[in-house]
Structures are given as C-alpha cells and as structure tokens.
Amino acid sequence: MVHLCTQRWEAQMESVKVGIREFRDKLASYLLESDAPVAITRHGDTVGYYIPARRNRSESERDALRQVATRMQGMLAAEGISEDEILADFRKWRAGSRK
C-alpha cells in the first residue's frame, strides 16, 4: 500500500529519479541546486525522497504537500500501519543491507 502511495506522490510532485550512489556522489548539488523533489532509488526501487526546502514555497505547493501527507496518513491508518512499524521495518532493512 505504501508503494502505491509513493507512485501517486511521484506523479503529482514530478520528482527526479536518481540512484542512491549518484545522489550520494552529487549530494551538494542536489542540496543546493535542486528545485524539484528527488526520488532516490536502489536497484530500481524507490528507497527515499529528498524534498528541497525553499524559503518561498508557493501556497499551492504547500497545499499539495499537506494533501499528500493527509492521504498517506489515511492509507497507513486504513492498513493498520503505524509510524513506529515503518521505522522499525526501515531499521531492519538498513541493518540487513549493511551486511
């Protein structure tokens, strides 16, 4: 369910997809120059997002982010998934990927 939500979010936010190594190698460029959200991938799967913080984000962009957050919370609640479970799952995945 979370994957489905991220696909919808990517379509709405027009994110740029980059591999995790490229993102790491060009981190300064993405942090300082990127205006669009960046979907970070590993082996083709989206593993995270970088959403640039701008001082002058438009009200429509803030509304879109609020709507996405509200929908995401609703989808997680409908599936009975808590933020703690997501965090625990991420930590487990991260620990396994380091081995």
C-alpha atoms as a PDB file:
ATOM      1  CA  MET A   1       0.000   0.000   0.000  1.00  0.00           C
ATOM      2  CA  VAL A   2       2.807   2.404   0.812  1.00  0.00           C
ATOM      3  CA  HIS A   3       4.395   1.689  -2.600  1.00  0.00           C
ATOM      4  CA  LEU A   4       1.122   2.602  -4.315  1.00  0.00           C
ATOM      5  CA  CYS A   5       1.012   5.870  -2.414  1.00  0.00           C
ATOM      6  CA  THR A   6       4.591   6.725  -3.369  1.00  0.00           C
ATOM      7  CA  GLN A   7       3.782   6.141  -7.036  1.00  0.00           C
ATOM      8  CA  ARG A   8       0.900   8.606  -6.797  1.00  0.00           C
ATOM      9  CA  TRP A   9       3.091  11.077  -4.913  1.00  0.00           C
ATOM     10  CA  GLU A  10       5.834  10.859  -7.544  1.00  0.00           C
ATOM     11  CA  ALA A  11       3.320  11.517 -10.300  1.00  0.00           C
ATOM     12  CA  GLN A  12       1.909  14.545  -8.500  1.00  0.00           C
ATOM     13  CA  MET A  13       5.192  16.080  -7.425  1.00  0.00           C
ATOM     14  CA  GLU A  14       7.096  15.443 -10.680  1.00  0.00           C
ATOM     15  CA  SER A  15      10.151  14.100  -8.885  1.00  0.00           C
ATOM     16  CA  VAL A  16      13.505  13.404 -10.479  1.00  0.00           C
ATOM     17  CA  LYS A  17      14.711   9.792 -10.066  1.00  0.00           C
ATOM     18  CA  VAL A  18      18.359   9.162  -9.240  1.00  0.00           C
ATOM     19  CA  GLY A  19      20.285   6.180  -7.980  1.00  0.00           C
ATOM     20  CA  ILE A  20      21.464   6.223  -4.397  1.00  0.00           C
ATOM     21  CA  ARG A  21      25.149   6.319  -5.414  1.00  0.00           C
ATOM     22  CA  GLU A  22      24.614   9.232  -7.774  1.00  0.00           C
ATOM     23  CA  PHE A  23      22.671  11.060  -5.079  1.00  0.00           C
ATOM     24  CA  ARG A  24      25.481  10.481  -2.580  1.00  0.00           C
ATOM     25  CA  ASP A  25      28.193  11.493  -5.064  1.00  0.00           C
ATOM     26  CA  LYS A  26      26.398  14.684  -6.079  1.00  0.00           C
ATOM     27  CA  LEU A  27      24.811  15.444  -2.704  1.00  0.00           C
ATOM     28  CA  ALA A  28      25.972  19.063  -2.574  1.00  0.00           C
ATOM     29  CA  SER A  29      24.450  19.762  -5.995  1.00  0.00           C
ATOM     30  CA  TYR A  30      21.119  18.236  -5.026  1.00  0.00           C
ATOM     31  CA  LEU A  31      21.051  20.064  -1.686  1.00  0.00           C
ATOM     32  CA  LEU A  32      21.971  23.460  -3.070  1.00  0.00           C
ATOM     33  CA  GLU A  33      20.604  23.486  -6.620  1.00  0.00           C
ATOM     34  CA  SER A  34      17.590  21.185  -6.787  1.00  0.00           C
ATOM     35  CA  ASP A  35      14.137  22.735  -7.048  1.00  0.00           C
ATOM     36  CA  ALA A  36      12.209  19.508  -7.651  1.00  0.00           C
ATOM     37  CA  PRO A  37      11.793  16.598  -5.243  1.00  0.00           C
ATOM     38  CA  VAL A  38      14.269  13.775  -5.835  1.00  0.00           C
ATOM     39  CA  ALA A  39      13.191  10.127  -5.677  1.00  0.00           C
ATOM     40  CA  ILE A  40      16.230   8.128  -4.561  1.00  0.00           C
ATOM     41  CA  THR A  41      16.364   4.602  -5.948  1.00  0.00           C
ATOM     42  CA  ARG A  42      18.321   1.447  -5.241  1.00  0.00           C
ATOM     43  CA  HIS A  43      18.210  -1.271  -7.884  1.00  0.00           C
ATOM     44  CA  GLY A  44      15.204   0.474  -9.437  1.00  0.00           C
ATOM     45  CA  ASP A  45      13.160   0.625  -6.213  1.00  0.00           C
ATOM     46  CA  THR A  46      12.449   3.973  -4.600  1.00  0.00           C
ATOM     47  CA  VAL A  47      14.007   3.982  -1.121  1.00  0.00           C
ATOM     48  CA  GLY A  48      13.531   7.599  -0.146  1.00  0.00           C
ATOM     49  CA  TYR A  49      12.894  11.155  -1.155  1.00  0.00           C
ATOM     50  CA  TYR A  50      14.723  14.427  -0.842  1.00  0.00           C
ATOM     51  CA  ILE A  51      12.330  17.360  -0.816  1.00  0.00           C
ATOM     52  CA  PRO A  52      14.158  20.670  -1.111  1.00  0.00           C
ATOM     53  CA  ALA A  53      13.213  23.276   1.450  1.00  0.00           C
ATOM     54  CA  ARG A  54      12.742  26.650  -0.161  1.00  0.00           C
ATOM     55  CA  ARG A  55      12.031  29.844   1.632  1.00  0.00           C
ATOM     56  CA  ASN A  56       9.435  30.935  -0.910  1.00  0.00           C
ATOM     57  CA  ARG A  57       7.434  27.766  -1.490  1.00  0.00           C
ATOM     58  CA  SER A  58       4.119  28.670  -3.099  1.00  0.00           C
ATOM     59  CA  GLU A  59       0.866  28.173  -1.279  1.00  0.00           C
ATOM     60  CA  SER A  60      -0.266  25.635  -3.908  1.00  0.00           C
ATOM     61  CA  GLU A  61       2.904  23.596  -3.300  1.00  0.00           C
ATOM     62  CA  ARG A  62       2.296  23.674   0.471  1.00  0.00           C
ATOM     63  CA  ASP A  63      -1.301  22.589  -0.105  1.00  0.00           C
ATOM     64  CA  ALA A  64      -0.153  19.713  -2.335  1.00  0.00           C
ATOM     65  CA  LEU A  65       2.308  18.537   0.329  1.00  0.00           C
ATOM     66  CA  ARG A  66      -0.392  18.738   3.017  1.00  0.00           C
ATOM     67  CA  GLN A  67      -2.777  16.721   0.837  1.00  0.00           C
ATOM     68  CA  VAL A  68      -0.159  14.048   0.176  1.00  0.00           C
ATOM     69  CA  ALA A  69       0.661  13.818   3.888  1.00  0.00           C
ATOM     70  CA  THR A  70      -3.016  13.534   4.797  1.00  0.00           C
ATOM     71  CA  ARG A  71      -3.615  10.820   2.187  1.00  0.00           C
ATOM     72  CA  MET A  72      -0.518   8.928   3.285  1.00  0.00           C
ATOM     73  CA  GLN A  73      -1.641   9.009   6.919  1.00  0.00           C
ATOM     74  CA  GLY A  74      -5.094   7.803   5.884  1.00  0.00           C
ATOM     75  CA  MET A  75      -3.688   4.937   3.827  1.00  0.00           C
ATOM     76  CA  LEU A  76      -1.404   3.857   6.658  1.00  0.00           C
ATOM     77  CA  ALA A  77      -4.276   4.042   9.159  1.00  0.00           C
ATOM     78  CA  ALA A  78      -6.531   2.010   6.845  1.00  0.00           C
ATOM     79  CA  GLU A  79      -3.880  -0.699   6.689  1.00  0.00           C
ATOM     80  CA  GLY A  80      -3.255  -0.525  10.437  1.00  0.00           C
ATOM     81  CA  ILE A  81       0.364   0.506   9.951  1.00  0.00           C
ATOM     82  CA  SER A  82       1.955   2.832  12.497  1.00  0.00           C
ATOM     83  CA  GLU A  83       4.894   5.179  12.058  1.00  0.00           C
ATOM     84  CA  ASP A  84       6.788   3.080  14.608  1.00  0.00           C
ATOM     85  CA  GLU A  85       6.286  -0.030  12.461  1.00  0.00           C
ATOM     86  CA  ILE A  86       7.579   1.761   9.379  1.00  0.00           C
ATOM     87  CA  LEU A  87      10.610   2.990  11.287  1.00  0.00           C
ATOM     88  CA  ALA A  88      11.310  -0.487  12.701  1.00  0.00           C
ATOM     89  CA  ASP A  89      10.955  -2.030   9.235  1.00  0.00           C
ATOM     90  CA  PHE A  90      13.333   0.561   7.771  1.00  0.00           C
ATOM     91  CA  ARG A  91      15.909  -0.056  10.516  1.00  0.00           C
ATOM     92  CA  LYS A  92      15.674  -3.806   9.934  1.00  0.00           C
ATOM     93  CA  TRP A  93      16.113  -3.346   6.176  1.00  0.00           C
ATOM     94  CA  ARG A  94      19.012  -0.951   6.693  1.00  0.00           C
ATOM     95  CA  ALA A  95      20.786  -3.303   9.105  1.00  0.00           C
ATOM     96  CA  GLY A  96      20.398  -6.159   6.620  1.00  0.00           C
ATOM     97  CA  SER A  97      21.694  -4.116   3.699  1.00  0.00           C
ATOM     98  CA  ARG A  98      24.936  -3.292   5.527  1.00  0.00           C
ATOM     99  CA  LYS A  99      25.982  -6.911   5.823  1.00  0.00           C
END
